[in-house]
Protein backbone atom coordinates (compact mmCIF):
# COMPACT_ATOMS: atom_id res chain seq x y z
CA UNK A 1 0.00 0.00 0.00
CA UNK A 2 0.92 3.63 -0.46
CA UNK A 3 0.01 5.54 2.67
CA UNK A 4 -3.54 4.95 3.84
CA UNK A 5 -5.26 5.57 0.53
CA UNK A 6 -3.76 3.58 -2.33
CA UNK A 7 -3.49 -0.19 -2.60
CA UNK A 8 -2.33 -2.21 -5.56
CA UNK A 9 -3.69 -5.64 -6.41
CA UNK A 10 -3.25 -8.06 -9.28
CA UNK A 11 -1.16 -11.01 -10.28
CA UNK A 12 1.92 -8.87 -10.84
CA UNK A 13 1.92 -7.77 -7.20
CA UNK A 14 2.01 -11.22 -5.63
CA UNK A 15 5.47 -12.31 -4.49
CA UNK A 16 5.09 -16.02 -5.17
CA UNK A 17 2.27 -16.56 -7.69
CA UNK A 18 2.89 -13.81 -10.25
CA UNK A 19 1.43 -14.29 -13.74
CA UNK A 20 -1.32 -16.59 -12.43
CA UNK A 21 -5.02 -16.27 -11.67
CA UNK A 22 -4.27 -17.65 -8.22
CA UNK A 23 -1.85 -14.78 -7.58
CA UNK A 24 -4.43 -12.25 -8.73
CA UNK A 25 -7.03 -13.74 -6.40
CA UNK A 26 -4.70 -13.83 -3.42
CA UNK A 27 -3.46 -10.30 -3.97
CA UNK A 28 -7.06 -9.10 -4.18
CA UNK A 29 -7.82 -10.75 -0.85
CA UNK A 30 -4.70 -9.19 0.65
CA UNK A 31 -5.64 -5.70 -0.59
CA UNK A 32 -9.22 -6.07 0.64
CA UNK A 33 -7.99 -7.18 4.05
CA UNK A 34 -5.76 -4.11 4.30
CA UNK A 35 -8.56 -1.79 3.22
CA UNK A 36 -11.21 -3.27 5.50
CA UNK A 37 -8.82 -3.65 8.40
C-alpha atoms as a PDB file:
ATOM      1  CA  UNK A   1       0.000   0.000   0.000  1.00  0.00           C
ATOM      2  CA  UNK A   2       0.920   3.633  -0.457  1.00  0.00           C
ATOM      3  CA  UNK A   3       0.006   5.541   2.671  1.00  0.00           C
ATOM      4  CA  UNK A   4      -3.543   4.947   3.837  1.00  0.00           C
ATOM      5  CA  UNK A   5      -5.263   5.575   0.527  1.00  0.00           C
ATOM      6  CA  UNK A   6      -3.758   3.583  -2.325  1.00  0.00           C
ATOM      7  CA  UNK A   7      -3.490  -0.190  -2.602  1.00  0.00           C
ATOM      8  CA  UNK A   8      -2.329  -2.213  -5.558  1.00  0.00           C
ATOM      9  CA  UNK A   9      -3.690  -5.643  -6.408  1.00  0.00           C
ATOM     10  CA  UNK A  10      -3.247  -8.055  -9.275  1.00  0.00           C
ATOM     11  CA  UNK A  11      -1.160 -11.011 -10.283  1.00  0.00           C
ATOM     12  CA  UNK A  12       1.919  -8.873 -10.839  1.00  0.00           C
ATOM     13  CA  UNK A  13       1.920  -7.765  -7.196  1.00  0.00           C
ATOM     14  CA  UNK A  14       2.009 -11.218  -5.625  1.00  0.00           C
ATOM     15  CA  UNK A  15       5.466 -12.312  -4.487  1.00  0.00           C
ATOM     16  CA  UNK A  16       5.087 -16.023  -5.173  1.00  0.00           C
ATOM     17  CA  UNK A  17       2.272 -16.559  -7.688  1.00  0.00           C
ATOM     18  CA  UNK A  18       2.892 -13.808 -10.254  1.00  0.00           C
ATOM     19  CA  UNK A  19       1.432 -14.294 -13.740  1.00  0.00           C
ATOM     20  CA  UNK A  20      -1.318 -16.590 -12.433  1.00  0.00           C
ATOM     21  CA  UNK A  21      -5.017 -16.274 -11.666  1.00  0.00           C
ATOM     22  CA  UNK A  22      -4.274 -17.649  -8.216  1.00  0.00           C
ATOM     23  CA  UNK A  23      -1.850 -14.784  -7.583  1.00  0.00           C
ATOM     24  CA  UNK A  24      -4.427 -12.248  -8.730  1.00  0.00           C
ATOM     25  CA  UNK A  25      -7.027 -13.739  -6.404  1.00  0.00           C
ATOM     26  CA  UNK A  26      -4.696 -13.832  -3.416  1.00  0.00           C
ATOM     27  CA  UNK A  27      -3.457 -10.301  -3.969  1.00  0.00           C
ATOM     28  CA  UNK A  28      -7.060  -9.098  -4.177  1.00  0.00           C
ATOM     29  CA  UNK A  29      -7.820 -10.752  -0.849  1.00  0.00           C
ATOM     30  CA  UNK A  30      -4.696  -9.187   0.651  1.00  0.00           C
ATOM     31  CA  UNK A  31      -5.637  -5.698  -0.585  1.00  0.00           C
ATOM     32  CA  UNK A  32      -9.222  -6.075   0.640  1.00  0.00           C
ATOM     33  CA  UNK A  33      -7.989  -7.177   4.048  1.00  0.00           C
ATOM     34  CA  UNK A  34      -5.757  -4.112   4.305  1.00  0.00           C
ATOM     35  CA  UNK A  35      -8.564  -1.786   3.219  1.00  0.00           C
ATOM     36  CA  UNK A  36     -11.207  -3.265   5.503  1.00  0.00           C
ATOM     37  CA  UNK A  37      -8.817  -3.655   8.400  1.00  0.00           C
END
